[in-house]
Amino acid sequence: MRATRRDVCRLPVHDTRKRGESVMTRPVAIIPHMSQQAPVIRALDRAACEALLARGNVGRVAFATHQRVDIEPLHYAFLDGWIYGRTSPGSKLDVVAHSHWVAFEADEVAGVFDWRSVVVHGAWFGQHEAPPAEHAAWERGLDALRRLVPGTFTRNDPVPFRTVLFRIHLDEVTGRECRPAPVPG
């Protein structure tokens, strides 16, 4: 189908302009959809959210200080309602020492309209803060991380600079998924 003049919009391209020059634009044809049905977006229940977390191993942790929010990717293991991970000493540890509240996100993406996403809000705890009664849980979390990265905290550790073991409790969990529009048939 050929796009008509009214089916064309202008989108900015990479801005390489010099001061005072106008923004370059390029025409982009808007192709009418064969089906007017929209993709289906729905909330995930807690069990589906936890299943996604259990299948995944890479997510992002977000934390805030003053007027700044940071987000960092990391590998993780999900076990018994906790997200276990490792990090390096640095600014994020300074932040969570003052405010234990963080957000964590993990996704599964198969396409633009075929994805699932889970967001967790919870408290961050470092292993050094753990009371003796919780040591067994921390050991199970460490074992889960070692299944993911076998050399974790050993001489063969591929990331030996990640010396801090932490976990995030799933206090609030929300999830959404998007599925492509049904094919008319």
Protein backbone atom coordinates (compact mmCIF):
# COMPACT_ATOMS: atom_id res chain seq x y z
CA MET A 1 0.00 0.00 0.00
CA ARG A 2 1.38 3.38 -0.97
CA ALA A 3 1.46 6.09 1.68
CA THR A 4 -0.31 9.34 0.87
CA ARG A 5 0.88 12.78 1.98
CA ARG A 6 -1.38 12.80 5.03
CA ASP A 7 -0.08 9.33 6.05
CA VAL A 8 3.43 10.73 6.47
CA CYS A 9 4.75 12.25 9.66
CA ARG A 10 8.13 13.77 10.32
CA LEU A 11 10.41 12.22 12.93
CA PRO A 12 13.75 13.61 14.06
CA VAL A 13 16.85 11.70 13.02
CA HIS A 14 20.24 11.70 14.73
CA ASP A 15 20.85 15.34 15.62
CA THR A 16 24.17 16.37 14.07
CA ARG A 17 23.23 20.02 13.67
CA LYS A 18 25.45 22.90 14.60
CA ARG A 19 24.27 25.73 16.77
CA GLY A 20 21.51 27.65 15.04
CA GLU A 21 20.76 24.98 12.41
CA SER A 22 17.32 23.41 12.22
CA VAL A 23 16.63 19.82 13.20
CA MET A 24 16.73 17.47 10.23
CA THR A 25 13.67 15.31 9.75
CA ARG A 26 12.84 12.42 7.51
CA PRO A 27 9.46 11.26 6.29
CA VAL A 28 8.15 8.02 7.77
CA ALA A 29 5.17 6.32 6.17
CA ILE A 30 2.39 5.27 8.49
CA ILE A 31 1.04 2.02 7.11
CA PRO A 32 -2.60 1.43 8.04
CA HIS A 33 -3.02 -1.76 10.08
CA MET A 34 -4.83 -4.65 8.47
CA SER A 35 -6.43 -5.29 11.85
CA GLN A 36 -7.63 -2.47 14.07
CA GLN A 37 -7.28 -4.64 17.18
CA ALA A 38 -4.77 -3.45 19.75
CA PRO A 39 -2.32 -5.68 21.59
CA VAL A 40 -3.64 -7.12 24.83
CA ILE A 41 -2.03 -5.77 28.00
CA ARG A 42 -2.92 -7.27 31.36
CA ALA A 43 -1.71 -7.43 34.93
CA LEU A 44 0.14 -10.52 36.14
CA ASP A 45 -0.80 -12.13 39.43
CA ARG A 46 1.77 -12.76 42.15
CA ALA A 47 2.39 -16.37 41.07
CA ALA A 48 3.09 -15.31 37.46
CA CYS A 49 5.41 -12.55 38.70
CA GLU A 50 7.37 -14.97 40.86
CA ALA A 51 7.56 -17.48 37.99
CA LEU A 52 9.10 -14.79 35.75
CA LEU A 53 11.61 -13.89 38.47
CA ALA A 54 12.51 -17.57 38.88
CA ARG A 55 13.10 -17.99 35.11
CA GLY A 56 15.26 -14.87 34.85
CA ASN A 57 18.80 -14.12 35.88
CA VAL A 58 19.40 -10.50 34.80
CA GLY A 59 17.49 -7.53 36.14
CA ARG A 60 17.91 -3.91 37.20
CA VAL A 61 17.99 -2.45 40.67
CA ALA A 62 16.94 1.18 41.19
CA PHE A 63 17.72 3.29 44.22
CA ALA A 64 17.30 6.96 45.04
CA THR A 65 19.26 9.53 46.95
CA HIS A 66 18.44 13.20 47.32
CA GLN A 67 17.17 14.25 43.89
CA ARG A 68 18.74 11.48 41.83
CA VAL A 69 17.57 8.00 40.88
CA ASP A 70 20.06 5.43 39.62
CA ILE A 71 19.43 2.09 38.01
CA GLU A 72 22.01 -0.64 37.50
CA PRO A 73 21.84 -4.01 35.75
CA LEU A 74 22.94 -7.12 37.61
CA HIS A 75 22.59 -10.86 37.62
CA TYR A 76 20.42 -12.38 40.32
CA ALA A 77 18.83 -15.54 41.66
CA PHE A 78 15.28 -15.70 42.99
CA LEU A 79 14.66 -17.99 45.95
CA ASP A 80 11.98 -18.21 48.66
CA GLY A 81 10.56 -14.72 48.07
CA TRP A 82 13.98 -13.04 47.94
CA ILE A 83 16.15 -11.72 45.13
CA TYR A 84 19.82 -12.52 45.80
CA GLY A 85 22.64 -10.72 44.03
CA ARG A 86 26.17 -9.41 44.29
CA THR A 87 27.64 -6.02 43.82
CA SER A 88 30.83 -4.06 44.28
CA PRO A 89 31.48 -1.64 47.10
CA GLY A 90 30.56 1.88 46.05
CA SER A 91 27.94 4.58 45.94
CA LYS A 92 24.87 2.33 45.84
CA LEU A 93 25.92 0.75 49.14
CA ASP A 94 26.24 4.21 50.67
CA VAL A 95 22.71 4.99 49.46
CA VAL A 96 21.08 1.78 50.70
CA ALA A 97 22.82 2.17 54.06
CA HIS A 98 20.62 5.24 54.61
CA SER A 99 17.48 4.05 52.84
CA HIS A 100 16.97 0.33 52.38
CA TRP A 101 14.10 0.80 49.93
CA VAL A 102 14.84 -0.13 46.33
CA ALA A 103 13.00 -1.17 43.21
CA PHE A 104 13.97 -4.12 41.05
CA GLU A 105 12.78 -4.97 37.53
CA ALA A 106 13.11 -8.07 35.39
CA ASP A 107 11.69 -8.58 31.91
CA GLU A 108 11.13 -11.21 29.26
CA VAL A 109 10.92 -9.75 25.77
CA ALA A 110 10.06 -11.70 22.63
CA GLY A 111 8.88 -8.74 20.54
CA VAL A 112 7.50 -5.20 20.60
CA PHE A 113 4.04 -6.42 21.60
CA ASP A 114 5.13 -9.68 23.22
CA TRP A 115 6.68 -9.11 26.63
CA ARG A 116 6.33 -9.57 30.38
CA SER A 117 7.73 -7.28 33.06
CA VAL A 118 7.86 -7.50 36.86
CA VAL A 119 8.64 -4.65 39.25
CA VAL A 120 9.49 -5.35 42.88
CA HIS A 121 9.59 -2.77 45.65
CA GLY A 122 11.33 -3.95 48.76
CA ALA A 123 14.05 -3.62 51.32
CA TRP A 124 17.72 -4.25 50.53
CA PHE A 125 19.73 -6.22 53.06
CA GLY A 126 23.44 -6.93 53.05
CA GLN A 127 24.77 -10.23 54.34
CA HIS A 128 26.85 -8.40 56.93
CA GLU A 129 23.56 -7.26 58.56
CA ALA A 130 22.14 -10.79 58.82
CA PRO A 131 21.41 -12.18 62.27
CA PRO A 132 22.73 -15.71 62.90
CA ALA A 133 19.21 -17.17 62.59
CA GLU A 134 19.18 -16.18 58.90
CA HIS A 135 22.57 -17.62 57.92
CA ALA A 136 21.02 -20.78 56.44
CA ALA A 137 18.81 -18.68 54.13
CA TRP A 138 21.84 -16.69 53.01
CA GLU A 139 23.71 -19.93 52.27
CA ARG A 140 20.79 -21.15 50.11
CA GLY A 141 20.84 -17.81 48.27
CA LEU A 142 24.59 -18.11 47.71
CA ASP A 143 24.11 -21.67 46.40
CA ALA A 144 21.48 -20.34 43.95
CA LEU A 145 23.95 -17.70 42.73
CA ARG A 146 26.63 -20.39 42.36
CA ARG A 147 24.29 -22.39 40.11
CA LEU A 148 24.14 -19.29 37.92
CA VAL A 149 27.84 -18.33 38.18
CA PRO A 150 29.72 -21.40 39.47
CA GLY A 151 32.82 -19.52 40.64
CA THR A 152 30.93 -17.08 42.87
CA PHE A 153 33.11 -16.11 45.86
CA THR A 154 35.80 -18.66 44.98
CA ARG A 155 39.30 -18.45 43.51
CA ASN A 156 37.70 -18.95 40.05
CA ASP A 157 35.22 -16.09 40.42
CA PRO A 158 34.82 -14.34 37.02
CA VAL A 159 33.89 -11.09 38.81
CA PRO A 160 35.95 -11.14 42.01
CA PHE A 161 35.41 -7.42 42.55
CA ARG A 162 31.72 -8.13 43.33
CA THR A 163 32.36 -8.82 46.99
CA VAL A 164 29.04 -7.83 48.55
CA LEU A 165 26.22 -10.35 48.79
CA PHE A 166 22.76 -8.81 49.17
CA ARG A 167 19.13 -9.72 48.97
CA ILE A 168 15.92 -7.81 48.30
CA HIS A 169 12.65 -8.81 49.90
CA LEU A 170 9.54 -8.85 47.71
CA ASP A 171 7.39 -6.42 49.71
CA GLU A 172 5.32 -5.21 46.73
CA VAL A 173 5.23 -7.04 43.41
CA THR A 174 3.49 -5.95 40.24
CA GLY A 175 3.71 -7.31 36.75
CA ARG A 176 2.29 -6.73 33.32
CA GLU A 177 2.34 -8.55 30.05
CA CYS A 178 1.59 -7.54 26.51
CA ARG A 179 0.48 -10.00 23.86
CA PRO A 180 0.05 -9.32 20.14
CA ALA A 181 -3.45 -8.62 18.89
CA PRO A 182 -5.30 -11.80 17.96
CA VAL A 183 -5.03 -12.62 14.27
CA PRO A 184 -8.46 -12.31 12.61
CA GLY A 185 -9.54 -15.63 11.37
